[in-house]
Amino acid sequence: MTARITPGRLRELGPVNWALWRGLSAASGTRDAQLFSTLGRTKGTFRGWLHFGAGLMPGGRISRHETELVILRVAHLRGCDYEMDHHIRLGRRAGVTAELLARVLTGPTADGWTDRHRALLTAVDELIATENLSDDTWSALAAHFDERRMVEFVLLVGQYGMLATAIATLGVGRDTFRR
């Protein structure tokens, strides 16, 4: 898909968002993290979104490993290659091996999950499919997460679902990574 909103540069982003885009691109291992250079056009909204997102990843109470499992499952279910590209890389740093990634793609029915991870992925699937959790799914996840983590989980799934929508609708192109 062709970008509906082209990635911005200094003029479109402004100096603060341009500096953020440059830093985030470097940290991502790419010359142009197109999600940031596109969303950066929204000025203060972009910075508010960054603050919100950072509170969930990497700053949330759900472990980085489990956060990456959630994000990868959301990206897979939503068919968001942009998120997959970035979070396969980030997931590796958080212990998501190729074998674990294959299980994430298969879903909660794959062999080898702990009860905790099966409950986590079942909840992702249900939340993406229905935008809600049944009482049974809620209870299964709540057996492993405290109330704060339950709230963060719902926000995390929502955040990455929203990003998948924005990426697809705006036509954000996939990034090219440095080796």
N, C-alpha and C. Protein backbone atom coordinates (compact mmCIF):
# COMPACT_ATOMS: atom_id res chain seq x y z
N MET A 1 0.84 -1.18 0.00
CA MET A 1 0.00 0.00 0.00
C MET A 1 0.89 1.25 0.00
N THR A 2 0.48 2.23 -0.71
CA THR A 2 1.18 3.50 -0.74
C THR A 2 0.80 4.31 0.49
N ALA A 3 1.78 5.02 1.02
CA ALA A 3 1.52 5.85 2.20
C ALA A 3 0.44 6.88 1.89
N ARG A 4 -0.56 6.93 2.74
CA ARG A 4 -1.59 7.97 2.60
C ARG A 4 -1.11 9.27 3.24
N ILE A 5 -0.29 9.14 4.25
CA ILE A 5 0.36 10.28 4.90
C ILE A 5 1.85 9.98 4.82
N THR A 6 2.59 10.79 4.11
CA THR A 6 4.01 10.52 3.97
C THR A 6 4.74 10.83 5.28
N PRO A 7 5.79 10.07 5.55
CA PRO A 7 6.59 10.34 6.75
C PRO A 7 7.10 11.79 6.72
N GLY A 8 7.00 12.44 7.86
CA GLY A 8 7.43 13.82 7.95
C GLY A 8 8.93 13.96 8.20
N ARG A 9 9.40 15.15 7.99
CA ARG A 9 10.78 15.52 8.31
C ARG A 9 10.72 16.76 9.19
N LEU A 10 11.81 17.45 9.34
CA LEU A 10 11.90 18.56 10.29
C LEU A 10 10.74 19.55 10.14
N ARG A 11 10.46 19.94 8.93
CA ARG A 11 9.40 20.93 8.71
C ARG A 11 8.04 20.44 9.21
N GLU A 12 7.70 19.18 8.92
CA GLU A 12 6.39 18.64 9.30
C GLU A 12 6.34 18.19 10.76
N LEU A 13 7.47 17.74 11.28
CA LEU A 13 7.49 17.20 12.64
C LEU A 13 7.74 18.26 13.70
N GLY A 14 8.46 19.31 13.33
CA GLY A 14 8.90 20.29 14.31
C GLY A 14 10.16 19.77 14.99
N PRO A 15 10.92 20.63 15.61
CA PRO A 15 12.23 20.23 16.15
C PRO A 15 12.16 19.15 17.24
N VAL A 16 11.17 19.21 18.10
CA VAL A 16 11.10 18.24 19.20
C VAL A 16 10.77 16.85 18.64
N ASN A 17 9.73 16.76 17.83
CA ASN A 17 9.34 15.46 17.28
C ASN A 17 10.38 14.95 16.29
N TRP A 18 11.06 15.84 15.58
CA TRP A 18 12.13 15.42 14.68
C TRP A 18 13.25 14.77 15.48
N ALA A 19 13.64 15.39 16.60
CA ALA A 19 14.70 14.81 17.45
C ALA A 19 14.25 13.47 18.03
N LEU A 20 13.00 13.39 18.46
CA LEU A 20 12.47 12.11 18.97
C LEU A 20 12.50 11.05 17.88
N TRP A 21 12.05 11.40 16.69
CA TRP A 21 12.05 10.45 15.56
C TRP A 21 13.45 9.96 15.27
N ARG A 22 14.42 10.86 15.24
CA ARG A 22 15.80 10.46 14.95
C ARG A 22 16.32 9.50 16.02
N GLY A 23 16.08 9.83 17.30
CA GLY A 23 16.53 8.96 18.39
C GLY A 23 15.84 7.61 18.39
N LEU A 24 14.54 7.61 18.17
CA LEU A 24 13.78 6.36 18.14
C LEU A 24 14.16 5.50 16.93
N SER A 25 14.45 6.15 15.82
CA SER A 25 14.90 5.40 14.63
C SER A 25 16.23 4.72 14.92
N ALA A 26 17.17 5.47 15.49
CA ALA A 26 18.48 4.89 15.81
C ALA A 26 18.33 3.73 16.79
N ALA A 27 17.51 3.92 17.81
CA ALA A 27 17.31 2.85 18.81
C ALA A 27 16.64 1.62 18.18
N SER A 28 15.85 1.83 17.14
CA SER A 28 15.17 0.73 16.45
C SER A 28 16.06 0.04 15.44
N GLY A 29 17.21 0.62 15.14
CA GLY A 29 18.11 0.02 14.18
C GLY A 29 17.74 0.31 12.73
N THR A 30 17.07 1.45 12.53
CA THR A 30 16.65 1.82 11.18
C THR A 30 16.94 3.30 10.95
N ARG A 31 17.10 3.68 9.70
CA ARG A 31 17.33 5.09 9.38
C ARG A 31 16.04 5.90 9.54
N ASP A 32 14.92 5.27 9.26
CA ASP A 32 13.63 5.97 9.35
C ASP A 32 12.58 5.03 9.91
N ALA A 33 12.30 5.16 11.21
CA ALA A 33 11.18 4.44 11.81
C ALA A 33 9.92 5.17 11.35
N GLN A 34 9.33 4.67 10.27
CA GLN A 34 8.26 5.39 9.59
C GLN A 34 7.01 5.59 10.42
N LEU A 35 6.78 4.71 11.38
CA LEU A 35 5.64 4.93 12.27
C LEU A 35 5.82 6.25 13.02
N PHE A 36 7.01 6.48 13.53
CA PHE A 36 7.28 7.69 14.31
C PHE A 36 7.32 8.94 13.43
N SER A 37 7.86 8.81 12.21
CA SER A 37 7.91 9.99 11.34
C SER A 37 6.54 10.30 10.73
N THR A 38 5.63 9.36 10.80
CA THR A 38 4.26 9.62 10.36
C THR A 38 3.42 10.17 11.52
N LEU A 39 3.41 9.44 12.65
CA LEU A 39 2.63 9.90 13.80
C LEU A 39 3.18 11.19 14.38
N GLY A 40 4.46 11.44 14.18
CA GLY A 40 5.08 12.67 14.69
C GLY A 40 4.46 13.93 14.12
N ARG A 41 3.78 13.81 13.00
CA ARG A 41 3.10 14.97 12.41
C ARG A 41 2.01 15.54 13.32
N THR A 42 1.58 14.76 14.32
CA THR A 42 0.50 15.22 15.20
C THR A 42 0.98 16.08 16.35
N LYS A 43 2.27 16.40 16.35
CA LYS A 43 2.90 17.29 17.34
C LYS A 43 2.72 16.76 18.76
N GLY A 44 2.00 17.48 19.62
CA GLY A 44 1.87 17.10 21.03
C GLY A 44 1.15 15.78 21.24
N THR A 45 0.24 15.43 20.35
CA THR A 45 -0.45 14.15 20.46
C THR A 45 0.56 13.00 20.36
N PHE A 46 1.53 13.15 19.47
CA PHE A 46 2.58 12.14 19.31
C PHE A 46 3.35 11.96 20.62
N ARG A 47 3.72 13.05 21.25
CA ARG A 47 4.47 12.95 22.50
C ARG A 47 3.62 12.34 23.62
N GLY A 48 2.34 12.68 23.66
CA GLY A 48 1.44 12.06 24.64
C GLY A 48 1.30 10.57 24.41
N TRP A 49 1.19 10.18 23.14
CA TRP A 49 1.10 8.76 22.79
C TRP A 49 2.38 8.03 23.18
N LEU A 50 3.54 8.64 22.91
CA LEU A 50 4.81 8.02 23.31
C LEU A 50 4.86 7.79 24.81
N HIS A 51 4.43 8.78 25.56
CA HIS A 51 4.44 8.66 27.02
C HIS A 51 3.52 7.52 27.47
N PHE A 52 2.32 7.47 26.91
CA PHE A 52 1.38 6.40 27.23
C PHE A 52 1.97 5.04 26.87
N GLY A 53 2.46 4.92 25.63
CA GLY A 53 3.00 3.65 25.17
C GLY A 53 4.19 3.18 25.99
N ALA A 54 5.06 4.11 26.36
CA ALA A 54 6.24 3.74 27.16
C ALA A 54 5.84 3.27 28.56
N GLY A 55 4.70 3.73 29.05
CA GLY A 55 4.20 3.25 30.34
C GLY A 55 3.77 1.80 30.30
N LEU A 56 3.47 1.31 29.10
CA LEU A 56 3.08 -0.09 28.92
C LEU A 56 4.27 -0.94 28.47
N MET A 57 5.09 -0.37 27.59
CA MET A 57 6.25 -1.08 27.06
C MET A 57 7.33 -0.06 26.75
N PRO A 58 8.40 -0.02 27.49
CA PRO A 58 8.93 -1.03 28.39
C PRO A 58 8.60 -0.82 29.86
N GLY A 59 7.82 0.19 30.20
CA GLY A 59 7.67 0.57 31.60
C GLY A 59 6.55 -0.07 32.39
N GLY A 60 5.86 -1.03 31.83
CA GLY A 60 4.74 -1.65 32.53
C GLY A 60 5.17 -2.70 33.53
N ARG A 61 4.22 -3.20 34.27
CA ARG A 61 4.47 -4.24 35.28
C ARG A 61 4.43 -5.65 34.71
N ILE A 62 3.89 -5.80 33.52
CA ILE A 62 3.93 -7.11 32.86
C ILE A 62 5.36 -7.29 32.37
N SER A 63 5.92 -8.47 32.56
CA SER A 63 7.32 -8.69 32.18
C SER A 63 7.53 -8.38 30.71
N ARG A 64 8.75 -7.99 30.37
CA ARG A 64 9.09 -7.69 28.97
C ARG A 64 8.85 -8.93 28.09
N HIS A 65 9.20 -10.07 28.59
CA HIS A 65 9.00 -11.31 27.84
C HIS A 65 7.51 -11.50 27.52
N GLU A 66 6.66 -11.40 28.52
CA GLU A 66 5.22 -11.58 28.30
C GLU A 66 4.64 -10.45 27.47
N THR A 67 5.15 -9.23 27.66
CA THR A 67 4.70 -8.11 26.84
C THR A 67 4.96 -8.39 25.37
N GLU A 68 6.14 -8.91 25.07
CA GLU A 68 6.46 -9.21 23.67
C GLU A 68 5.59 -10.35 23.13
N LEU A 69 5.29 -11.35 23.95
CA LEU A 69 4.37 -12.41 23.50
C LEU A 69 3.02 -11.81 23.12
N VAL A 70 2.52 -10.91 23.96
CA VAL A 70 1.23 -10.26 23.70
C VAL A 70 1.29 -9.46 22.39
N ILE A 71 2.31 -8.62 22.26
CA ILE A 71 2.41 -7.75 21.08
C ILE A 71 2.54 -8.58 19.81
N LEU A 72 3.37 -9.61 19.86
CA LEU A 72 3.53 -10.47 18.68
C LEU A 72 2.22 -11.16 18.30
N ARG A 73 1.47 -11.59 19.30
CA ARG A 73 0.18 -12.25 19.01
C ARG A 73 -0.80 -11.25 18.40
N VAL A 74 -0.87 -10.04 18.97
CA VAL A 74 -1.74 -9.00 18.41
C VAL A 74 -1.34 -8.71 16.97
N ALA A 75 -0.05 -8.51 16.73
CA ALA A 75 0.43 -8.19 15.39
C ALA A 75 0.07 -9.31 14.41
N HIS A 76 0.24 -10.55 14.85
CA HIS A 76 -0.11 -11.69 13.99
C HIS A 76 -1.61 -11.71 13.68
N LEU A 77 -2.42 -11.59 14.72
CA LEU A 77 -3.87 -11.64 14.52
C LEU A 77 -4.36 -10.50 13.65
N ARG A 78 -3.72 -9.34 13.77
CA ARG A 78 -4.14 -8.17 12.99
C ARG A 78 -3.43 -8.09 11.64
N GLY A 79 -2.53 -9.02 11.35
CA GLY A 79 -1.82 -9.02 10.07
C GLY A 79 -0.94 -7.81 9.89
N CYS A 80 -0.31 -7.36 10.97
CA CYS A 80 0.49 -6.14 10.93
C CYS A 80 1.99 -6.47 10.83
N ASP A 81 2.48 -6.51 9.59
CA ASP A 81 3.89 -6.84 9.36
C ASP A 81 4.83 -5.83 10.00
N TYR A 82 4.44 -4.56 10.01
CA TYR A 82 5.29 -3.53 10.62
C TYR A 82 5.56 -3.87 12.09
N GLU A 83 4.50 -4.15 12.84
CA GLU A 83 4.67 -4.52 14.26
C GLU A 83 5.47 -5.82 14.38
N MET A 84 5.19 -6.78 13.53
CA MET A 84 5.93 -8.05 13.58
C MET A 84 7.42 -7.80 13.38
N ASP A 85 7.77 -7.02 12.36
CA ASP A 85 9.18 -6.74 12.08
C ASP A 85 9.89 -6.20 13.32
N HIS A 86 9.30 -5.21 13.94
CA HIS A 86 9.94 -4.56 15.09
C HIS A 86 9.95 -5.48 16.32
N HIS A 87 8.84 -6.16 16.55
CA HIS A 87 8.74 -6.91 17.81
C HIS A 87 9.35 -8.31 17.73
N ILE A 88 9.61 -8.82 16.57
CA ILE A 88 10.45 -10.02 16.48
C ILE A 88 11.84 -9.65 16.97
N ARG A 89 12.34 -8.49 16.55
CA ARG A 89 13.67 -8.02 16.99
C ARG A 89 13.68 -7.74 18.49
N LEU A 90 12.69 -7.00 18.96
CA LEU A 90 12.61 -6.69 20.40
C LEU A 90 12.36 -7.95 21.22
N GLY A 91 11.55 -8.84 20.69
CA GLY A 91 11.25 -10.09 21.38
C GLY A 91 12.48 -10.94 21.61
N ARG A 92 13.37 -10.97 20.62
CA ARG A 92 14.62 -11.74 20.78
C ARG A 92 15.37 -11.26 22.01
N ARG A 93 15.43 -9.94 22.18
CA ARG A 93 16.13 -9.38 23.35
C ARG A 93 15.44 -9.75 24.66
N ALA A 94 14.16 -10.05 24.60
CA ALA A 94 13.38 -10.40 25.79
C ALA A 94 13.19 -11.91 25.93
N GLY A 95 13.96 -12.69 25.16
CA GLY A 95 13.92 -14.14 25.30
C GLY A 95 12.91 -14.87 24.45
N VAL A 96 12.35 -14.21 23.43
CA VAL A 96 11.41 -14.88 22.54
C VAL A 96 12.24 -15.53 21.42
N THR A 97 12.45 -16.82 21.57
CA THR A 97 13.22 -17.59 20.60
C THR A 97 12.39 -17.87 19.36
N ALA A 98 13.03 -18.40 18.33
CA ALA A 98 12.31 -18.79 17.11
C ALA A 98 11.23 -19.83 17.44
N GLU A 99 11.55 -20.74 18.35
CA GLU A 99 10.58 -21.78 18.74
C GLU A 99 9.37 -21.15 19.45
N LEU A 100 9.63 -20.20 20.34
CA LEU A 100 8.52 -19.51 21.02
C LEU A 100 7.70 -18.69 20.03
N LEU A 101 8.37 -18.03 19.10
CA LEU A 101 7.65 -17.25 18.09
C LEU A 101 6.72 -18.15 17.28
N ALA A 102 7.19 -19.32 16.91
CA ALA A 102 6.34 -20.26 16.16
C ALA A 102 5.11 -20.64 16.99
N ARG A 103 5.30 -20.82 18.30
CA ARG A 103 4.15 -21.13 19.16
C ARG A 103 3.20 -19.95 19.27
N VAL A 104 3.75 -18.73 19.35
CA VAL A 104 2.90 -17.53 19.39
C VAL A 104 2.03 -17.48 18.15
N LEU A 105 2.62 -17.77 17.00
CA LEU A 105 1.87 -17.72 15.74
C LEU A 105 0.79 -18.79 15.70
N THR A 106 1.06 -19.95 16.29
CA THR A 106 0.05 -21.01 16.37
C THR A 106 -1.05 -20.61 17.35
N GLY A 107 -0.66 -20.02 18.45
CA GLY A 107 -1.64 -19.53 19.42
C GLY A 107 -1.69 -20.33 20.70
N PRO A 108 -2.72 -20.10 21.49
CA PRO A 108 -2.80 -20.72 22.81
C PRO A 108 -2.99 -22.23 22.78
N THR A 109 -3.36 -22.78 21.66
CA THR A 109 -3.55 -24.24 21.58
C THR A 109 -2.25 -24.99 21.30
N ALA A 110 -1.17 -24.26 21.02
CA ALA A 110 0.12 -24.92 20.73
C ALA A 110 0.61 -25.68 21.96
N ASP A 111 1.28 -26.78 21.71
CA ASP A 111 1.88 -27.55 22.80
C ASP A 111 3.02 -26.75 23.43
N GLY A 112 3.21 -26.95 24.73
CA GLY A 112 4.37 -26.39 25.40
C GLY A 112 4.14 -25.14 26.22
N TRP A 113 2.95 -24.55 26.15
CA TRP A 113 2.69 -23.36 26.95
C TRP A 113 2.47 -23.73 28.41
N THR A 114 2.89 -22.85 29.29
CA THR A 114 2.51 -22.97 30.69
C THR A 114 1.05 -22.55 30.81
N ASP A 115 0.42 -22.86 31.92
CA ASP A 115 -0.96 -22.40 32.14
C ASP A 115 -1.04 -20.88 32.05
N ARG A 116 -0.03 -20.21 32.60
CA ARG A 116 0.01 -18.74 32.60
C ARG A 116 0.05 -18.20 31.16
N HIS A 117 0.94 -18.73 30.35
CA HIS A 117 1.06 -18.22 28.98
C HIS A 117 -0.13 -18.61 28.12
N ARG A 118 -0.70 -19.78 28.37
CA ARG A 118 -1.92 -20.18 27.65
C ARG A 118 -3.07 -19.22 28.00
N ALA A 119 -3.20 -18.88 29.27
CA ALA A 119 -4.24 -17.92 29.68
C ALA A 119 -4.00 -16.55 29.05
N LEU A 120 -2.75 -16.13 29.00
CA LEU A 120 -2.38 -14.84 28.41
C LEU A 120 -2.75 -14.79 26.93
N LEU A 121 -2.35 -15.80 26.18
CA LEU A 121 -2.62 -15.80 24.74
C LEU A 121 -4.10 -16.02 24.42
N THR A 122 -4.77 -16.82 25.24
CA THR A 122 -6.22 -16.98 25.07
C THR A 122 -6.92 -15.64 25.25
N ALA A 123 -6.49 -14.90 26.25
CA ALA A 123 -7.09 -13.58 26.50
C ALA A 123 -6.79 -12.62 25.35
N VAL A 124 -5.59 -12.66 24.78
CA VAL A 124 -5.29 -11.82 23.61
C VAL A 124 -6.25 -12.16 22.48
N ASP A 125 -6.36 -13.44 22.17
CA ASP A 125 -7.22 -13.86 21.06
C ASP A 125 -8.66 -13.40 21.27
N GLU A 126 -9.15 -13.60 22.48
CA GLU A 126 -10.54 -13.24 22.75
C GLU A 126 -10.76 -11.73 22.71
N LEU A 127 -9.81 -10.99 23.25
CA LEU A 127 -9.95 -9.53 23.26
C LEU A 127 -9.91 -8.97 21.84
N ILE A 128 -9.03 -9.49 21.00
CA ILE A 128 -8.98 -9.04 19.61
C ILE A 128 -10.26 -9.43 18.87
N ALA A 129 -10.75 -10.64 19.10
CA ALA A 129 -11.92 -11.13 18.37
C ALA A 129 -13.22 -10.47 18.82
N THR A 130 -13.36 -10.22 20.13
CA THR A 130 -14.65 -9.78 20.65
C THR A 130 -14.63 -8.40 21.32
N GLU A 131 -13.42 -7.85 21.50
CA GLU A 131 -13.25 -6.58 22.22
C GLU A 131 -13.75 -6.66 23.66
N ASN A 132 -13.69 -7.88 24.21
CA ASN A 132 -14.09 -8.11 25.59
C ASN A 132 -13.51 -9.46 26.02
N LEU A 133 -13.61 -9.73 27.31
CA LEU A 133 -13.20 -11.04 27.84
C LEU A 133 -14.37 -11.67 28.56
N SER A 134 -14.57 -12.95 28.31
CA SER A 134 -15.59 -13.69 29.05
C SER A 134 -15.14 -13.80 30.50
N ASP A 135 -16.07 -14.11 31.38
CA ASP A 135 -15.72 -14.28 32.79
C ASP A 135 -14.71 -15.40 32.98
N ASP A 136 -14.84 -16.48 32.22
CA ASP A 136 -13.89 -17.60 32.33
C ASP A 136 -12.48 -17.18 31.93
N THR A 137 -12.37 -16.45 30.82
CA THR A 137 -11.05 -16.01 30.35
C THR A 137 -10.46 -15.01 31.33
N TRP A 138 -11.29 -14.10 31.81
CA TRP A 138 -10.84 -13.12 32.81
C TRP A 138 -10.29 -13.85 34.04
N SER A 139 -11.04 -14.80 34.54
CA SER A 139 -10.62 -15.54 35.74
C SER A 139 -9.33 -16.32 35.51
N ALA A 140 -9.20 -16.92 34.34
CA ALA A 140 -7.98 -17.69 34.04
C ALA A 140 -6.76 -16.78 34.05
N LEU A 141 -6.87 -15.59 33.47
CA LEU A 141 -5.74 -14.65 33.46
C LEU A 141 -5.53 -14.04 34.84
N ALA A 142 -6.61 -13.74 35.53
CA ALA A 142 -6.52 -13.14 36.87
C ALA A 142 -5.88 -14.08 37.89
N ALA A 143 -5.85 -15.36 37.59
CA ALA A 143 -5.15 -16.31 38.46
C ALA A 143 -3.64 -16.06 38.44
N HIS A 144 -3.16 -15.33 37.43
CA HIS A 144 -1.73 -15.09 37.27
C HIS A 144 -1.35 -13.61 37.39
N PHE A 145 -2.30 -12.72 37.19
CA PHE A 145 -2.03 -11.28 37.19
C PHE A 145 -2.81 -10.61 38.31
N ASP A 146 -2.19 -9.62 38.94
CA ASP A 146 -2.91 -8.79 39.91
C ASP A 146 -3.77 -7.77 39.15
N GLU A 147 -4.51 -6.97 39.88
CA GLU A 147 -5.44 -6.03 39.24
C GLU A 147 -4.71 -5.03 38.34
N ARG A 148 -3.57 -4.52 38.79
CA ARG A 148 -2.83 -3.56 37.96
C ARG A 148 -2.41 -4.20 36.64
N ARG A 149 -1.90 -5.42 36.70
CA ARG A 149 -1.49 -6.10 35.47
C ARG A 149 -2.70 -6.43 34.58
N MET A 150 -3.84 -6.70 35.17
CA MET A 150 -5.04 -6.94 34.37
C MET A 150 -5.41 -5.69 33.57
N VAL A 151 -5.38 -4.54 34.23
CA VAL A 151 -5.67 -3.28 33.52
C VAL A 151 -4.62 -3.04 32.44
N GLU A 152 -3.34 -3.21 32.79
CA GLU A 152 -2.27 -3.00 31.81
C GLU A 152 -2.42 -3.95 30.62
N PHE A 153 -2.81 -5.18 30.87
CA PHE A 153 -3.00 -6.14 29.79
C PHE A 153 -4.03 -5.62 28.78
N VAL A 154 -5.18 -5.18 29.29
CA VAL A 154 -6.23 -4.68 28.40
C VAL A 154 -5.73 -3.47 27.61
N LEU A 155 -5.01 -2.57 28.28
CA LEU A 155 -4.46 -1.39 27.59
C LEU A 155 -3.39 -1.78 26.57
N LEU A 156 -2.55 -2.76 26.90
CA LEU A 156 -1.50 -3.20 25.99
C LEU A 156 -2.09 -3.79 24.72
N VAL A 157 -3.05 -4.67 24.86
CA VAL A 157 -3.70 -5.25 23.68
C VAL A 157 -4.38 -4.15 22.87
N GLY A 158 -5.08 -3.25 23.55
CA GLY A 158 -5.74 -2.14 22.86
C GLY A 158 -4.76 -1.23 22.14
N GLN A 159 -3.63 -0.93 22.79
CA GLN A 159 -2.61 -0.06 22.20
C GLN A 159 -2.07 -0.65 20.90
N TYR A 160 -1.72 -1.93 20.91
CA TYR A 160 -1.14 -2.52 19.71
C TYR A 160 -2.19 -2.84 18.65
N GLY A 161 -3.43 -3.07 19.06
CA GLY A 161 -4.51 -3.17 18.09
C GLY A 161 -4.75 -1.84 17.40
N MET A 162 -4.75 -0.75 18.20
CA MET A 162 -4.91 0.60 17.64
C MET A 162 -3.78 0.93 16.69
N LEU A 163 -2.55 0.56 17.07
CA LEU A 163 -1.41 0.82 16.18
C LEU A 163 -1.55 0.07 14.87
N ALA A 164 -1.99 -1.18 14.93
CA ALA A 164 -2.18 -1.95 13.70
C ALA A 164 -3.20 -1.26 12.79
N THR A 165 -4.25 -0.71 13.37
CA THR A 165 -5.24 0.03 12.60
C THR A 165 -4.63 1.27 11.98
N ALA A 166 -3.88 2.03 12.77
CA ALA A 166 -3.25 3.26 12.26
C ALA A 166 -2.25 2.93 11.15
N ILE A 167 -1.43 1.92 11.35
CA ILE A 167 -0.42 1.54 10.36
C ILE A 167 -1.08 1.17 9.04
N ALA A 168 -2.12 0.34 9.11
CA ALA A 168 -2.81 -0.09 7.89
C ALA A 168 -3.53 1.07 7.21
N THR A 169 -4.25 1.87 7.98
CA THR A 169 -5.06 2.94 7.41
C THR A 169 -4.21 4.06 6.83
N LEU A 170 -3.12 4.40 7.52
CA LEU A 170 -2.24 5.47 7.04
C LEU A 170 -1.27 4.99 5.97
N GLY A 171 -1.15 3.68 5.80
CA GLY A 171 -0.24 3.13 4.80
C GLY A 171 1.22 3.29 5.19
N VAL A 172 1.51 3.10 6.49
CA VAL A 172 2.89 3.21 6.96
C VAL A 172 3.71 2.07 6.37
N GLY A 173 4.78 2.42 5.69
CA GLY A 173 5.63 1.42 5.05
C GLY A 173 6.51 0.69 6.05
N ARG A 174 6.92 -0.51 5.67
CA ARG A 174 7.82 -1.29 6.52
C ARG A 174 9.19 -0.66 6.54
N ASP A 175 9.86 -0.77 7.66
CA ASP A 175 11.18 -0.18 7.82
C ASP A 175 12.26 -1.12 7.31
N THR A 176 13.36 -0.53 6.92
CA THR A 176 14.55 -1.28 6.54
C THR A 176 15.53 -1.18 7.71
N PHE A 177 15.99 -2.32 8.18
CA PHE A 177 16.86 -2.35 9.35
C PHE A 177 18.32 -2.46 8.95
N ARG A 178 19.15 -1.81 9.77
CA ARG A 178 20.60 -1.98 9.62
C ARG A 178 20.95 -3.35 10.16
N ARG A 179 22.01 -3.88 9.73
CA ARG A 179 22.44 -5.20 10.25
C ARG A 179 22.92 -5.11 11.65
